[in-house]
Protein backbone atom coordinates (compact mmCIF):
# COMPACT_ATOMS: atom_id res chain seq x y z
CA MET A 1 14.47 -12.35 8.69
CA ALA A 2 12.43 -10.31 10.21
CA LEU A 3 8.13 -10.65 9.95
CA ILE A 4 6.91 -8.19 8.38
CA LEU A 5 3.15 -7.72 9.12
CA THR A 6 0.11 -5.04 7.96
CA PHE A 7 -3.35 -4.39 8.10
CA LEU A 8 -6.08 -4.22 5.46
CA GLY A 9 -9.12 -2.13 6.09
CA LYS A 10 -11.21 0.83 5.35
CA ASP A 11 -11.60 2.44 8.05
CA GLY A 12 -7.69 3.84 8.85
CA THR A 13 -7.76 4.59 12.05
CA THR A 14 -8.48 1.75 13.58
CA ARG A 15 -6.41 -0.17 11.73
CA SER A 16 -3.66 1.96 12.82
CA LYS A 17 -4.43 1.43 16.65
CA ILE A 18 -4.69 -2.57 15.67
CA ALA A 19 -1.37 -1.74 13.92
CA ILE A 20 0.22 0.11 17.02
CA ALA A 21 -1.32 -2.39 19.70
CA SER A 22 0.80 -5.27 17.53
CA ALA A 23 4.03 -2.99 17.64
CA MET A 24 3.14 -3.23 21.13
CA LYS A 25 2.18 -6.62 21.91
CA LEU A 26 5.46 -8.64 20.27
CA ALA A 27 7.53 -5.73 21.82
CA SER A 28 6.93 -7.29 25.04
CA GLU A 29 6.82 -10.70 24.06
CA GLY A 30 10.62 -9.45 23.87
CA GLN A 31 11.34 -8.98 19.85
CA ARG A 32 12.53 -6.61 18.70
CA VAL A 33 9.72 -4.64 17.14
CA LEU A 34 10.15 -1.69 13.81
CA LEU A 35 6.89 0.57 14.15
CA ALA A 36 6.76 2.59 10.66
CA GLY A 37 4.14 4.53 8.94
CA ASN A 38 3.58 7.03 6.75
CA ALA A 39 3.67 10.93 7.58
CA GLU A 40 0.39 11.83 8.18
CA PRO A 41 -0.20 12.56 12.10
CA ALA A 42 -2.73 9.83 13.29
CA MET A 43 0.15 7.44 14.34
CA GLN A 44 1.88 10.48 15.87
CA ILE A 45 -1.34 11.28 17.72
CA LEU A 46 -1.85 8.13 19.01
CA LEU A 47 1.45 7.24 20.36
CA ASN A 48 1.32 10.83 21.70
CA THR A 49 5.02 11.59 20.21
CA THR A 50 6.66 13.55 17.33
CA LEU A 51 7.99 11.13 14.91
CA GLY A 52 10.81 11.62 12.48
CA SER A 53 12.55 9.71 9.41
CA ASP A 54 14.82 7.67 11.65
CA PRO A 55 13.72 4.72 14.42
CA GLN A 56 13.69 6.06 17.98
CA GLU A 57 13.08 4.19 20.58
CA ILE A 58 9.29 4.52 22.20
CA SER A 59 9.45 1.83 24.61
CA ALA A 60 11.31 -1.16 25.85
CA ASN A 61 12.28 -3.32 22.96
CA LEU A 62 10.03 -1.25 19.98
CA HIS A 63 10.85 1.62 17.78
CA ALA A 64 8.81 3.96 15.21
CA VAL A 65 9.81 5.50 12.31
CA GLN A 66 7.51 8.21 9.59
CA PHE A 67 8.37 7.06 6.02
CA GLN A 68 8.82 10.85 4.44
CA THR A 69 9.08 10.34 1.09
CA ALA A 70 11.37 13.29 0.05
CA VAL A 71 13.84 11.68 2.55
CA LEU A 72 13.75 8.59 1.30
CA LEU A 73 13.94 9.91 -2.38
CA GLU A 74 16.85 11.85 -1.29
CA ARG A 75 18.56 8.89 0.39
CA SER A 76 17.85 6.52 -2.57
CA TRP A 77 19.31 9.37 -5.26
CA ASP A 78 22.22 8.90 -4.26
CA GLU A 79 22.57 5.44 -4.21
CA VAL A 80 21.44 5.89 -7.67
CA LYS A 81 24.44 8.27 -8.55
CA LYS A 82 26.18 5.83 -7.15
CA LEU A 83 25.22 3.05 -9.27
CA GLU A 84 25.54 4.82 -12.35
CA ALA A 85 29.51 6.08 -11.29
CA GLN A 86 29.87 2.52 -11.12
CA TYR A 87 29.33 2.34 -14.48
CA LEU A 88 29.59 4.56 -16.28
CA LYS A 89 32.97 6.35 -17.39
CA THR A 90 30.71 9.65 -17.64
CA PRO A 91 28.09 10.05 -15.01
CA THR A 92 25.12 12.06 -16.15
CA LEU A 93 23.35 12.47 -13.19
CA LYS A 94 26.10 13.52 -10.97
CA ASP A 95 24.72 17.37 -11.01
CA VAL A 96 21.05 16.51 -10.68
CA TYR A 97 20.77 16.38 -6.67
CA GLY A 98 18.19 14.89 -4.51
CA GLN A 99 17.08 17.72 -2.37
CA GLU A 100 15.69 19.10 -5.91
CA LEU A 101 13.08 15.98 -7.11
CA SER A 102 9.93 16.37 -6.72
CA VAL A 103 7.47 13.38 -5.47
CA LEU A 104 5.38 11.77 -8.53
CA PRO A 105 2.46 9.15 -8.18
CA GLY A 106 3.72 5.47 -6.84
CA MET A 107 7.35 6.36 -5.54
CA ASP A 108 5.65 6.66 -2.09
CA THR A 109 4.91 2.89 -2.06
CA ALA A 110 7.75 2.35 -4.38
CA LEU A 111 9.87 4.00 -1.85
CA ALA A 112 8.66 2.82 1.39
CA LEU A 113 8.90 -0.40 -0.18
CA ASN A 114 12.29 0.15 -0.27
CA ALA A 115 12.84 0.90 2.99
CA ILE A 116 11.12 -1.37 4.54
CA ARG A 117 13.05 -4.54 2.75
CA GLN A 118 16.29 -2.04 4.16
CA TYR A 119 15.28 -2.07 7.84
CA GLU A 120 14.42 -6.27 7.01
CA GLU A 121 17.92 -6.87 5.99
CA SER A 122 19.57 -4.76 8.60
CA GLY A 123 18.96 -7.71 10.99
CA LYS A 124 17.77 -5.14 13.88
CA TYR A 125 14.49 -6.38 13.71
CA ASP A 126 12.32 -9.15 14.64
CA ALA A 127 8.91 -7.46 13.45
CA ILE A 128 8.22 -5.00 11.16
CA ILE A 129 4.66 -3.61 11.82
CA TYR A 130 3.34 -1.28 8.57
CA ASP A 131 0.79 1.10 9.14
CA GLY A 132 0.16 1.91 5.35
CA THR A 133 -2.75 2.72 3.60
CA GLY A 134 -4.67 -1.00 4.08
CA ASP A 135 -5.95 -0.92 1.01
CA THR A 136 -4.72 -1.75 -2.54
CA ASN A 137 -2.49 0.60 -2.59
CA THR A 138 -0.33 -1.32 0.18
CA LEU A 139 -1.21 -4.52 -2.18
CA ARG A 140 0.36 -3.61 -5.23
CA MET A 141 3.54 -1.75 -2.98
CA LEU A 142 4.12 -5.72 -1.81
CA GLY A 143 2.97 -7.28 -4.93
CA MET A 144 6.03 -4.92 -6.61
CA PRO A 145 8.76 -7.16 -6.86
CA GLU A 146 6.25 -9.38 -8.53
CA SER A 147 5.10 -7.24 -10.65
CA LEU A 148 9.06 -5.78 -11.73
CA SER A 149 10.41 -9.16 -12.02
CA TRP A 150 8.05 -9.70 -14.79
CA TYR A 151 8.53 -6.90 -16.77
CA VAL A 152 12.27 -7.42 -16.42
CA ARG A 153 12.02 -11.11 -17.73
CA ARG A 154 9.82 -10.16 -21.02
CA PHE A 155 11.34 -6.99 -21.91
CA ARG A 156 14.82 -8.44 -21.49
CA GLN A 157 13.74 -11.43 -23.29
CA LEU A 158 12.44 -9.24 -26.23
CA PHE A 159 15.26 -7.32 -26.23
CA ILE A 160 17.44 -9.81 -26.52
CA ASN A 161 16.06 -11.50 -29.21
CA SER A 162 15.34 -7.67 -31.53
CA ASP A 163 17.76 -7.14 -34.14
CA LEU A 164 19.13 -4.32 -32.30
CA GLY A 165 20.08 -6.88 -29.51
CA LYS A 166 21.49 -9.13 -31.77
CA GLY A 167 23.64 -6.16 -33.36
CA ILE A 168 24.85 -5.47 -30.47
CA SER A 169 25.75 -8.66 -28.45
CA GLU A 170 27.79 -9.95 -32.65
CA SER A 171 29.37 -6.09 -34.50
CA PRO A 172 32.60 -6.55 -33.95
CA LEU A 173 31.89 -2.80 -34.51
CA ILE A 174 29.30 -1.91 -31.13
CA GLN A 175 32.27 -3.53 -28.97
CA PRO A 176 34.91 -0.56 -28.72
CA LEU A 177 32.36 1.93 -28.70
CA ILE A 178 30.32 0.53 -25.41
CA SER A 179 33.47 0.64 -24.45
CA THR A 180 34.11 3.79 -24.44
CA PHE A 181 31.33 4.95 -22.10
CA PHE A 182 30.89 1.43 -19.61
CA ASN A 183 33.65 1.18 -17.05
CA VAL A 184 33.21 -2.44 -17.90
CA ASN A 185 33.33 -4.78 -21.01
CA TRP A 186 30.38 -5.59 -22.46
CA MET A 187 31.32 -9.58 -23.54
CA ALA A 188 32.58 -9.47 -19.63
CA ASP A 189 29.57 -11.36 -17.47
CA ASN A 190 30.14 -8.04 -15.35
CA PHE A 191 28.20 -6.30 -18.00
CA SER A 192 25.23 -7.95 -16.92
CA GLN A 193 25.40 -6.74 -12.86
CA PRO A 194 22.99 -3.64 -12.77
CA THR A 195 20.45 -6.62 -13.90
CA ASN A 196 21.49 -9.34 -11.91
CA MET A 197 21.60 -7.13 -9.12
CA ALA A 198 18.18 -5.99 -9.57
CA ASN A 199 16.65 -9.46 -9.98
CA ASN A 200 18.40 -10.81 -7.38
CA MET A 201 16.54 -8.31 -4.70
CA LEU A 202 13.10 -9.36 -6.88
CA ASP A 203 13.54 -12.56 -6.37
CA ARG A 204 14.71 -11.73 -2.85
CA GLY A 205 11.20 -10.37 -2.12
CA LYS A 206 9.05 -12.57 -4.27
CA GLU A 207 10.23 -15.85 -1.63
CA ALA A 208 9.38 -13.66 1.69
CA LEU A 209 6.04 -12.58 0.83
CA ALA A 210 5.45 -16.80 -0.51
CA SER A 211 6.35 -17.34 3.34
CA PRO A 212 3.50 -16.67 5.79
CA HIS A 213 6.37 -16.94 7.75
CA ARG A 214 8.22 -13.33 7.02
CA VAL A 215 5.10 -11.46 5.32
CA ALA A 216 1.60 -11.98 6.16
CA ALA A 217 -1.73 -9.15 6.55
CA PHE A 218 -4.64 -9.42 8.90
CA LEU A 219 -7.91 -7.88 7.59
CA VAL A 220 -9.16 -5.11 9.75
CA THR A 221 -13.41 -4.41 9.97
CA LYS A 222 -16.41 -3.19 11.70
CA ASP A 223 -19.43 -5.00 11.81
CA ASP A 224 -20.71 -2.34 8.96
CA GLU A 225 -21.80 -3.76 5.21
CA ILE A 226 -19.72 -0.88 3.57
CA GLU A 227 -16.45 -2.16 5.45
CA ILE A 228 -17.40 -6.19 5.30
CA ALA A 229 -17.83 -5.37 1.97
CA THR A 230 -14.16 -3.95 1.31
CA ALA A 231 -12.13 -6.46 3.24
CA ARG A 232 -13.52 -9.47 1.44
CA TYR A 233 -12.49 -7.47 -1.89
CA LEU A 234 -9.22 -7.04 0.03
CA TRP A 235 -9.44 -9.99 1.10
CA GLY A 236 -9.31 -11.41 -2.27
CA SER A 237 -7.11 -8.59 -4.61
CA ALA A 238 -4.20 -9.65 -1.78
CA GLN A 239 -4.54 -13.52 -3.14
CA GLN A 240 -3.56 -11.79 -6.46
CA VAL A 241 -0.46 -10.28 -5.44
CA GLY A 242 0.84 -13.98 -3.52
CA LEU A 243 -0.34 -12.33 0.02
CA THR A 244 -1.07 -14.36 3.03
CA ILE A 245 -4.16 -13.11 4.90
CA GLY A 246 -4.14 -14.63 8.26
CA GLY A 247 -7.05 -13.81 9.65
CA VAL A 248 -9.74 -10.97 10.16
CA ILE A 249 -9.69 -8.51 13.40
CA LEU A 250 -13.33 -7.53 14.18
CA ALA A 251 -13.60 -4.35 16.03
CA ASP A 252 -15.99 -3.35 18.58
CA ALA A 253 -18.73 -6.49 18.11
CA ILE A 254 -19.25 -10.42 18.52
CA ALA A 255 -18.83 -11.92 15.58
CA SER A 256 -22.29 -13.36 13.75
CA GLU A 257 -22.30 -16.73 12.27
CA ASN A 258 -22.91 -14.54 9.10
CA PHE A 259 -20.05 -12.75 9.18
CA SER A 260 -17.61 -15.60 10.14
CA GLU A 261 -19.48 -17.36 7.01
CA GLN A 262 -18.38 -14.64 5.23
CA PHE A 263 -14.96 -15.38 5.64
CA ALA A 264 -14.23 -18.35 6.17
CA PRO A 265 -11.85 -20.56 6.39
CA LEU A 266 -10.09 -17.51 7.99
CA PRO A 267 -10.48 -17.53 12.07
CA VAL A 268 -11.71 -14.35 13.32
CA SER A 269 -11.13 -12.18 16.54
CA THR A 270 -12.92 -9.71 18.13
CA VAL A 271 -10.91 -6.97 19.50
CA VAL A 272 -12.38 -4.36 21.93
CA GLY A 273 -10.95 -1.12 22.78
CA THR A 274 -10.51 0.92 19.76
CA ASN A 275 -13.22 3.29 20.16
CA SER A 276 -11.26 5.16 23.25
CA SER A 277 -7.67 3.68 22.42
CA GLU A 278 -7.28 1.44 24.97
CA PHE A 279 -4.13 -0.25 24.03
CA PRO A 280 -4.00 -2.94 26.82
CA GLN A 281 -7.71 -4.15 26.09
CA ILE A 282 -7.10 -3.95 22.47
CA ILE A 283 -3.67 -6.24 23.27
CA ASP A 284 -5.23 -8.68 25.46
CA ASN A 285 -7.52 -9.51 22.32
CA LEU A 286 -5.45 -9.52 19.72
CA PRO A 287 -4.16 -13.05 17.88
CA ASN A 288 -0.96 -15.14 17.34
CA PHE A 289 -0.49 -13.69 13.71
CA VAL A 290 1.71 -16.77 13.04
CA ALA A 291 0.21 -19.13 13.91
CA GLN A 292 -2.78 -18.03 12.41
CA ALA A 293 -0.57 -16.99 9.22
CA THR A 294 1.06 -19.72 8.57
CA GLN A 295 -2.47 -21.91 8.95
CA ALA A 296 -4.15 -20.07 6.63
CA PRO A 297 -4.82 -21.37 2.99
CA ARG A 298 -2.06 -20.28 0.77
CA PRO A 299 -2.60 -17.12 -2.67
CA ILE A 300 -1.26 -20.17 -5.15
CA GLU A 301 -0.86 -24.06 -5.56
CA ILE A 302 1.30 -25.39 -8.24
CA ASP A 303 0.51 -29.17 -8.23
CA THR A 304 2.82 -30.83 -11.34
CA ASN A 305 2.09 -34.34 -11.32
CA ALA A 306 -1.50 -33.28 -11.46
CA ARG A 307 -0.84 -30.29 -14.03
CA GLN A 308 -2.60 -28.23 -12.23
CA VAL A 309 -2.65 -24.53 -10.64
CA ARG A 310 -4.71 -23.70 -7.83
CA LEU A 311 -5.39 -19.92 -6.99
CA PHE A 312 -7.43 -19.10 -4.25
CA LEU A 313 -9.68 -15.69 -5.01
CA PRO A 314 -11.90 -15.49 -2.02
CA GLY A 315 -14.54 -12.08 -2.35
CA PHE A 316 -14.62 -12.77 -6.52
CA ASP A 317 -16.81 -14.90 -7.99
CA LYS A 318 -16.16 -16.88 -11.69
CA LYS A 319 -17.83 -13.67 -13.37
CA GLN A 320 -15.07 -11.23 -12.03
CA VAL A 321 -12.20 -13.24 -12.33
CA LYS A 322 -10.77 -13.52 -16.00
CA LEU A 323 -8.04 -16.06 -17.78
CA THR A 324 -6.05 -14.95 -20.54
CA GLN A 325 -2.73 -16.48 -21.99
CA TYR A 326 -1.24 -14.20 -24.77
CA GLY A 327 2.19 -15.60 -23.91
CA PRO A 328 4.45 -18.25 -22.31
CA GLU A 329 2.89 -17.36 -19.07
CA VAL A 330 -0.80 -16.95 -17.81
CA THR A 331 -2.16 -14.11 -16.44
CA ILE A 332 -5.11 -14.12 -14.10
CA GLU A 333 -7.35 -10.74 -13.82
CA ALA A 334 -9.61 -10.49 -10.28
CA GLY A 335 -11.02 -7.28 -9.47
CA ASP A 336 -8.56 -4.57 -10.06
CA GLN A 337 -5.46 -7.12 -10.36
CA ARG A 338 -3.96 -8.49 -12.91
CA ARG A 339 -1.37 -11.31 -12.02
CA ASN A 340 1.41 -13.02 -14.42
CA ILE A 341 1.97 -16.55 -13.17
CA LEU A 342 5.17 -17.37 -13.52
CA LEU A 343 4.63 -21.31 -14.54
CA PRO A 344 8.21 -24.32 -13.77
CA PRO A 345 9.49 -25.92 -16.19
CA THR A 346 7.53 -28.83 -16.70
CA LEU A 347 3.96 -26.29 -17.03
CA SER A 348 5.84 -23.35 -18.99
CA GLY A 349 4.56 -22.88 -22.24
CA LYS A 350 1.94 -25.41 -21.94
CA GLN A 351 -1.50 -25.06 -23.10
CA VAL A 352 -4.70 -24.23 -20.84
CA THR A 353 -6.67 -27.19 -21.52
CA GLY A 354 -9.37 -26.59 -18.42
CA ALA A 355 -10.66 -23.68 -15.75
CA LYS A 356 -13.19 -24.05 -12.99
CA PHE A 357 -13.77 -21.87 -10.28
CA GLN A 358 -14.91 -23.48 -7.08
CA ASN A 359 -15.50 -22.71 -3.26
CA GLY A 360 -13.22 -19.66 -4.26
CA TYR A 361 -10.42 -21.40 -6.15
CA LEU A 362 -9.80 -20.93 -9.67
CA ILE A 363 -8.35 -24.23 -10.93
CA ILE A 364 -6.18 -24.14 -13.74
CA SER A 365 -5.07 -27.51 -15.62
CA PHE A 366 -2.63 -27.86 -18.43
């Protein structure tokens, strides 16, 4: 299993320099590293090389790839067509070609996440450094398994409980009709294979995101009021998607007491050389990513004995956090992020009896 590491912050050029230096650092330590970025030119300019849509070796133990959304879409579309042909007797997508498809808003992040998943599952890399947008789009991308799994479990259950769902499962007249169109028997377990495959993939994604040994992010900022405010906002928002923030990287400045207090209890690493792309100098000051990430506060803690859920939401105050319970789960809104908390069986369906905001934690009692 590879460590997936990304960086969040306002200054894209500084973030890219930190990402490249981090990839170089891990590669120099003997790890097999993949440095991945989007199609914008920054990474190619900083590396002084041309990158393609397939990984290429740029130094010992270090490969780099540029996510070109159109290419990723073509490759993913071929997989969709194979899946359709597996389950439908008369596929309808065989005459639609990936080369014809335009990229819709949101596709780029979904396709990038899928590409990262595939590279991680390939077993070829010990670490994947993702130089993304470093903002809420990156957070929504990493939180996609959690969000999609909620849609799957909620709407699937609604369909099963509906008259249509009951009619399909119980009617002796519909079964033969369905068998006419599908390659599998509705009554057999293998009809649910596509859903189970999707659920398993989402579960693996959630499991990876919950482990700081596998997925982590670091905040990158300068000693600037706007950049600090942005970093704090992204810190709190990251907790909403379950992403562990391992620490803060302060570029070309010395951390004042006030600066450190704003990010406590995260450790702050001061890195110099980002103004001139002095990668050896940057590398010398980078932190031990895994060690810091594993010691950082967890985004969520569930104590079934105390019947409590604790969410770490730094950067927000109680006026910015909203808790609701419309369905069987608890919904938390903070900033521009919304999270549905899947409770363990002992708490599932229980009503919230109290909630308080204390020292950056939202503490929910049942």
